[in-house]
Amino acid sequence: DTDRSRGLGDVYKRQVLFCIFWIRNQRNRKGSAPMEKQWMGLNALRPGERGILREILMPGEAKARMEELGLLPETELSCLYRAPHASPAAYAVGGAVFALRKKDAAQIIVEAVR
């Protein structure tokens, strides 16, 4: 997977996913109070922080795999550990611990709980 070069299709998909995430985040900000919770990618959580899963922006099979791991809407997640360069990071969900690469975690949208 890391040996093959990324095609324009992969780059385009990332840009589209980022645009969708950015637009949704901007809608959440309009008229919001400073203390209101905001949506972000799971990769933005630091060790010790928690979040509530809101949406998975991955394509079909990858999304299904995340759901099999227990990543369902309204599920609480917490970041346990990050590698020195932020990839991978360890997350806890319902008693299970798993690691995700930064690029995969960025496609999982959470609402931070502080």
N, C-alpha and C. Protein backbone atom coordinates (compact mmCIF):
# COMPACT_ATOMS: atom_id res chain seq x y z
N ASP A 1 0.82 -1.20 0.00
CA ASP A 1 0.00 0.00 0.00
C ASP A 1 0.87 1.26 0.00
N THR A 2 1.95 1.27 0.78
CA THR A 2 2.80 2.45 0.83
C THR A 2 3.74 2.52 -0.36
N ASP A 3 3.94 1.38 -1.08
CA ASP A 3 4.86 1.36 -2.21
C ASP A 3 4.24 1.97 -3.47
N ARG A 4 2.95 1.94 -3.58
CA ARG A 4 2.34 2.47 -4.80
C ARG A 4 2.12 3.97 -4.66
N SER A 5 2.20 4.66 -5.78
CA SER A 5 2.01 6.11 -5.73
C SER A 5 0.52 6.41 -5.67
N ARG A 6 0.22 7.53 -5.11
CA ARG A 6 -1.18 7.94 -5.03
C ARG A 6 -1.63 8.49 -6.37
N GLY A 7 -2.73 8.02 -6.84
CA GLY A 7 -3.29 8.54 -8.08
C GLY A 7 -4.06 9.82 -7.80
N LEU A 8 -4.43 10.51 -8.85
CA LEU A 8 -5.21 11.74 -8.67
C LEU A 8 -6.55 11.45 -8.02
N GLY A 9 -7.07 10.23 -8.22
CA GLY A 9 -8.35 9.87 -7.60
C GLY A 9 -8.27 9.93 -6.09
N ASP A 10 -7.17 9.42 -5.50
CA ASP A 10 -7.00 9.46 -4.05
C ASP A 10 -6.91 10.89 -3.54
N VAL A 11 -6.16 11.71 -4.26
CA VAL A 11 -6.00 13.12 -3.86
C VAL A 11 -7.35 13.81 -3.93
N TYR A 12 -8.08 13.57 -5.01
CA TYR A 12 -9.39 14.19 -5.19
C TYR A 12 -10.35 13.78 -4.07
N LYS A 13 -10.37 12.48 -3.72
CA LYS A 13 -11.26 12.00 -2.65
C LYS A 13 -10.95 12.71 -1.33
N ARG A 14 -9.66 12.86 -1.02
CA ARG A 14 -9.28 13.55 0.22
C ARG A 14 -9.75 14.99 0.22
N GLN A 15 -9.61 15.66 -0.93
CA GLN A 15 -10.03 17.05 -1.01
C GLN A 15 -11.53 17.17 -0.84
N VAL A 16 -12.28 16.27 -1.45
CA VAL A 16 -13.74 16.29 -1.31
C VAL A 16 -14.13 16.04 0.14
N LEU A 17 -13.53 15.04 0.78
CA LEU A 17 -13.85 14.74 2.18
C LEU A 17 -13.51 15.93 3.07
N PHE A 18 -12.37 16.57 2.80
CA PHE A 18 -11.99 17.74 3.60
C PHE A 18 -13.00 18.86 3.42
N CYS A 19 -13.44 19.10 2.18
CA CYS A 19 -14.41 20.16 1.92
C CYS A 19 -15.73 19.89 2.64
N ILE A 20 -16.18 18.63 2.60
CA ILE A 20 -17.42 18.28 3.30
C ILE A 20 -17.27 18.53 4.79
N PHE A 21 -16.16 18.09 5.36
CA PHE A 21 -15.91 18.29 6.79
C PHE A 21 -15.85 19.78 7.12
N TRP A 22 -15.15 20.56 6.30
CA TRP A 22 -14.98 22.00 6.56
C TRP A 22 -16.32 22.71 6.50
N ILE A 23 -17.15 22.38 5.50
CA ILE A 23 -18.46 23.02 5.37
C ILE A 23 -19.33 22.69 6.58
N ARG A 24 -19.34 21.44 7.00
CA ARG A 24 -20.15 21.06 8.16
C ARG A 24 -19.66 21.75 9.42
N ASN A 25 -18.35 21.87 9.56
CA ASN A 25 -17.79 22.53 10.73
C ASN A 25 -18.15 24.01 10.74
N GLN A 26 -18.16 24.65 9.57
CA GLN A 26 -18.53 26.06 9.49
C GLN A 26 -20.00 26.26 9.85
N ARG A 27 -20.83 25.34 9.43
CA ARG A 27 -22.26 25.43 9.79
C ARG A 27 -22.43 25.35 11.30
N ASN A 28 -21.62 24.53 11.95
CA ASN A 28 -21.71 24.39 13.41
C ASN A 28 -21.25 25.66 14.11
N ARG A 29 -20.34 26.40 13.49
CA ARG A 29 -19.78 27.60 14.13
C ARG A 29 -20.70 28.81 14.06
N LYS A 30 -21.54 28.90 13.02
CA LYS A 30 -22.38 30.09 12.83
C LYS A 30 -23.26 30.32 14.05
N GLY A 31 -23.13 31.48 14.63
CA GLY A 31 -23.95 31.85 15.76
C GLY A 31 -23.67 31.06 17.01
N SER A 32 -22.52 30.43 17.08
CA SER A 32 -22.23 29.60 18.24
C SER A 32 -21.58 30.41 19.35
N ALA A 33 -21.84 29.99 20.54
CA ALA A 33 -21.21 30.60 21.70
C ALA A 33 -19.77 30.09 21.79
N PRO A 34 -18.86 30.84 22.42
CA PRO A 34 -17.48 30.40 22.48
C PRO A 34 -17.27 29.05 23.16
N MET A 35 -18.13 28.66 24.07
CA MET A 35 -17.95 27.41 24.81
C MET A 35 -18.63 26.22 24.13
N GLU A 36 -19.30 26.47 22.99
CA GLU A 36 -20.01 25.38 22.32
C GLU A 36 -19.02 24.34 21.78
N LYS A 37 -19.41 23.09 21.83
CA LYS A 37 -18.56 22.01 21.34
C LYS A 37 -18.48 22.07 19.82
N GLN A 38 -17.32 21.72 19.29
CA GLN A 38 -17.13 21.73 17.84
C GLN A 38 -16.74 20.35 17.34
N TRP A 39 -17.07 20.10 16.10
CA TRP A 39 -16.71 18.84 15.47
C TRP A 39 -15.30 18.93 14.94
N MET A 40 -14.59 17.80 14.96
CA MET A 40 -13.22 17.74 14.45
C MET A 40 -12.91 16.30 14.07
N GLY A 41 -11.80 16.11 13.42
CA GLY A 41 -11.34 14.76 13.10
C GLY A 41 -10.84 14.09 14.37
N LEU A 42 -10.97 12.78 14.44
CA LEU A 42 -10.50 12.02 15.61
C LEU A 42 -9.01 12.26 15.84
N ASN A 43 -8.27 12.48 14.77
CA ASN A 43 -6.83 12.71 14.89
C ASN A 43 -6.49 13.99 15.65
N ALA A 44 -7.45 14.89 15.85
CA ALA A 44 -7.20 16.14 16.57
C ALA A 44 -7.24 15.95 18.09
N LEU A 45 -7.79 14.82 18.56
CA LEU A 45 -7.82 14.57 20.00
C LEU A 45 -6.41 14.30 20.51
N ARG A 46 -6.07 14.89 21.63
CA ARG A 46 -4.78 14.64 22.27
C ARG A 46 -4.95 13.57 23.34
N PRO A 47 -3.87 12.92 23.74
CA PRO A 47 -3.99 11.90 24.79
C PRO A 47 -4.69 12.47 26.04
N GLY A 48 -5.66 11.71 26.52
CA GLY A 48 -6.44 12.13 27.68
C GLY A 48 -7.74 12.82 27.31
N GLU A 49 -7.90 13.24 26.07
CA GLU A 49 -9.14 13.90 25.65
C GLU A 49 -10.15 12.87 25.16
N ARG A 50 -11.42 13.24 25.27
CA ARG A 50 -12.52 12.36 24.86
C ARG A 50 -13.36 13.03 23.79
N GLY A 51 -14.09 12.23 23.03
CA GLY A 51 -14.98 12.75 22.01
C GLY A 51 -16.14 11.80 21.78
N ILE A 52 -17.20 12.33 21.21
CA ILE A 52 -18.38 11.54 20.85
C ILE A 52 -18.38 11.41 19.33
N LEU A 53 -18.45 10.19 18.83
CA LEU A 53 -18.43 9.97 17.40
C LEU A 53 -19.70 10.53 16.76
N ARG A 54 -19.52 11.32 15.71
CA ARG A 54 -20.65 11.90 15.01
C ARG A 54 -20.83 11.33 13.61
N GLU A 55 -19.70 11.06 12.91
CA GLU A 55 -19.81 10.60 11.53
C GLU A 55 -18.50 9.96 11.08
N ILE A 56 -18.63 8.98 10.18
CA ILE A 56 -17.46 8.35 9.56
C ILE A 56 -17.50 8.68 8.08
N LEU A 57 -16.47 9.35 7.57
CA LEU A 57 -16.44 9.78 6.18
C LEU A 57 -15.67 8.83 5.27
N MET A 58 -15.49 7.60 5.71
CA MET A 58 -14.75 6.61 4.92
C MET A 58 -15.68 5.95 3.91
N PRO A 59 -15.09 5.41 2.81
CA PRO A 59 -15.91 4.69 1.84
C PRO A 59 -16.40 3.35 2.41
N GLY A 60 -17.37 2.75 1.77
CA GLY A 60 -18.08 1.54 2.16
C GLY A 60 -17.41 0.51 3.05
N GLU A 61 -16.44 -0.23 2.52
CA GLU A 61 -15.85 -1.33 3.29
C GLU A 61 -15.08 -0.82 4.51
N ALA A 62 -14.37 0.28 4.36
CA ALA A 62 -13.61 0.83 5.48
C ALA A 62 -14.56 1.29 6.58
N LYS A 63 -15.66 1.92 6.18
CA LYS A 63 -16.66 2.37 7.16
C LYS A 63 -17.27 1.17 7.88
N ALA A 64 -17.58 0.13 7.13
CA ALA A 64 -18.15 -1.08 7.74
C ALA A 64 -17.17 -1.69 8.74
N ARG A 65 -15.89 -1.69 8.41
CA ARG A 65 -14.87 -2.25 9.32
C ARG A 65 -14.81 -1.43 10.60
N MET A 66 -14.87 -0.11 10.49
CA MET A 66 -14.85 0.75 11.68
C MET A 66 -16.07 0.47 12.56
N GLU A 67 -17.23 0.27 11.93
CA GLU A 67 -18.44 -0.03 12.69
C GLU A 67 -18.32 -1.39 13.39
N GLU A 68 -17.66 -2.35 12.74
CA GLU A 68 -17.44 -3.66 13.37
C GLU A 68 -16.55 -3.53 14.60
N LEU A 69 -15.63 -2.57 14.58
CA LEU A 69 -14.76 -2.34 15.74
C LEU A 69 -15.49 -1.65 16.89
N GLY A 70 -16.72 -1.21 16.65
CA GLY A 70 -17.49 -0.56 17.71
C GLY A 70 -17.61 0.94 17.54
N LEU A 71 -17.16 1.47 16.41
CA LEU A 71 -17.28 2.91 16.16
C LEU A 71 -18.65 3.19 15.56
N LEU A 72 -19.59 3.47 16.42
CA LEU A 72 -20.97 3.75 16.01
C LEU A 72 -21.33 5.16 16.45
N PRO A 73 -22.27 5.81 15.75
CA PRO A 73 -22.67 7.16 16.14
C PRO A 73 -23.06 7.22 17.62
N GLU A 74 -22.70 8.31 18.26
CA GLU A 74 -22.98 8.59 19.68
C GLU A 74 -22.09 7.78 20.62
N THR A 75 -21.09 7.08 20.10
CA THR A 75 -20.17 6.31 20.93
C THR A 75 -19.08 7.23 21.47
N GLU A 76 -18.73 7.08 22.73
CA GLU A 76 -17.65 7.90 23.30
C GLU A 76 -16.31 7.22 23.08
N LEU A 77 -15.34 8.01 22.61
CA LEU A 77 -13.98 7.55 22.36
C LEU A 77 -13.03 8.36 23.20
N SER A 78 -11.87 7.80 23.46
CA SER A 78 -10.83 8.59 24.13
C SER A 78 -9.49 8.26 23.50
N CYS A 79 -8.64 9.26 23.41
CA CYS A 79 -7.29 9.09 22.89
C CYS A 79 -6.40 8.68 24.05
N LEU A 80 -5.71 7.57 23.91
CA LEU A 80 -4.85 7.08 24.98
C LEU A 80 -3.39 7.44 24.77
N TYR A 81 -2.94 7.35 23.52
CA TYR A 81 -1.52 7.54 23.25
C TYR A 81 -1.33 7.93 21.79
N ARG A 82 -0.33 8.77 21.55
CA ARG A 82 0.05 9.12 20.19
C ARG A 82 1.52 8.82 19.99
N ALA A 83 1.87 8.26 18.85
CA ALA A 83 3.27 8.04 18.51
C ALA A 83 3.93 9.42 18.33
N PRO A 84 5.24 9.50 18.39
CA PRO A 84 5.94 10.79 18.29
C PRO A 84 5.54 11.66 17.10
N HIS A 85 5.25 11.07 15.97
CA HIS A 85 4.86 11.86 14.81
C HIS A 85 3.35 11.79 14.57
N ALA A 86 2.59 11.48 15.60
CA ALA A 86 1.12 11.46 15.61
C ALA A 86 0.50 10.33 14.80
N SER A 87 1.29 9.41 14.28
CA SER A 87 0.72 8.30 13.53
C SER A 87 1.49 7.04 13.85
N PRO A 88 0.86 6.01 14.35
CA PRO A 88 -0.55 5.89 14.71
C PRO A 88 -0.82 6.43 16.12
N ALA A 89 -2.09 6.40 16.46
CA ALA A 89 -2.52 6.78 17.81
C ALA A 89 -3.42 5.68 18.35
N ALA A 90 -3.43 5.50 19.66
CA ALA A 90 -4.27 4.48 20.29
C ALA A 90 -5.53 5.13 20.85
N TYR A 91 -6.66 4.50 20.60
CA TYR A 91 -7.95 5.01 21.05
C TYR A 91 -8.69 3.92 21.81
N ALA A 92 -9.50 4.31 22.78
CA ALA A 92 -10.32 3.37 23.54
C ALA A 92 -11.79 3.59 23.19
N VAL A 93 -12.48 2.49 22.93
CA VAL A 93 -13.92 2.53 22.63
C VAL A 93 -14.56 1.35 23.32
N GLY A 94 -15.44 1.62 24.25
CA GLY A 94 -16.21 0.58 24.92
C GLY A 94 -15.37 -0.58 25.46
N GLY A 95 -14.27 -0.29 26.10
CA GLY A 95 -13.45 -1.32 26.70
C GLY A 95 -12.39 -1.91 25.76
N ALA A 96 -12.45 -1.60 24.48
CA ALA A 96 -11.46 -2.09 23.52
C ALA A 96 -10.47 -0.96 23.21
N VAL A 97 -9.24 -1.34 22.90
CA VAL A 97 -8.22 -0.37 22.51
C VAL A 97 -7.74 -0.75 21.12
N PHE A 98 -7.65 0.24 20.23
CA PHE A 98 -7.15 -0.02 18.89
C PHE A 98 -6.35 1.17 18.41
N ALA A 99 -5.53 0.94 17.39
CA ALA A 99 -4.68 2.00 16.83
C ALA A 99 -5.16 2.34 15.43
N LEU A 100 -5.08 3.62 15.10
CA LEU A 100 -5.45 4.10 13.77
C LEU A 100 -4.36 5.02 13.24
N ARG A 101 -4.13 4.94 11.94
CA ARG A 101 -3.22 5.89 11.31
C ARG A 101 -3.87 7.26 11.29
N LYS A 102 -3.04 8.28 11.24
CA LYS A 102 -3.53 9.67 11.27
C LYS A 102 -4.51 9.93 10.12
N LYS A 103 -4.20 9.44 8.92
CA LYS A 103 -5.07 9.71 7.77
C LYS A 103 -6.44 9.03 7.93
N ASP A 104 -6.49 7.88 8.58
CA ASP A 104 -7.77 7.21 8.82
C ASP A 104 -8.55 7.90 9.93
N ALA A 105 -7.84 8.28 10.99
CA ALA A 105 -8.50 8.96 12.11
C ALA A 105 -9.08 10.31 11.69
N ALA A 106 -8.46 10.95 10.69
CA ALA A 106 -8.96 12.25 10.22
C ALA A 106 -10.33 12.13 9.55
N GLN A 107 -10.69 10.93 9.10
CA GLN A 107 -11.96 10.72 8.43
C GLN A 107 -13.08 10.31 9.39
N ILE A 108 -12.77 10.29 10.68
CA ILE A 108 -13.77 9.99 11.70
C ILE A 108 -14.04 11.28 12.46
N ILE A 109 -15.26 11.77 12.34
CA ILE A 109 -15.61 13.07 12.91
C ILE A 109 -16.19 12.87 14.31
N VAL A 110 -15.62 13.62 15.26
CA VAL A 110 -16.06 13.55 16.66
C VAL A 110 -16.38 14.94 17.18
N GLU A 111 -17.16 14.97 18.23
CA GLU A 111 -17.43 16.21 18.97
C GLU A 111 -16.66 16.12 20.27
N ALA A 112 -15.75 17.04 20.48
CA ALA A 112 -14.89 17.00 21.66
C ALA A 112 -15.69 17.15 22.94
N VAL A 113 -15.33 16.38 23.95
CA VAL A 113 -15.93 16.46 25.28
C VAL A 113 -14.78 16.81 26.23
N ARG A 114 -14.85 17.93 26.85
CA ARG A 114 -13.73 18.37 27.71
C ARG A 114 -14.12 18.32 29.17
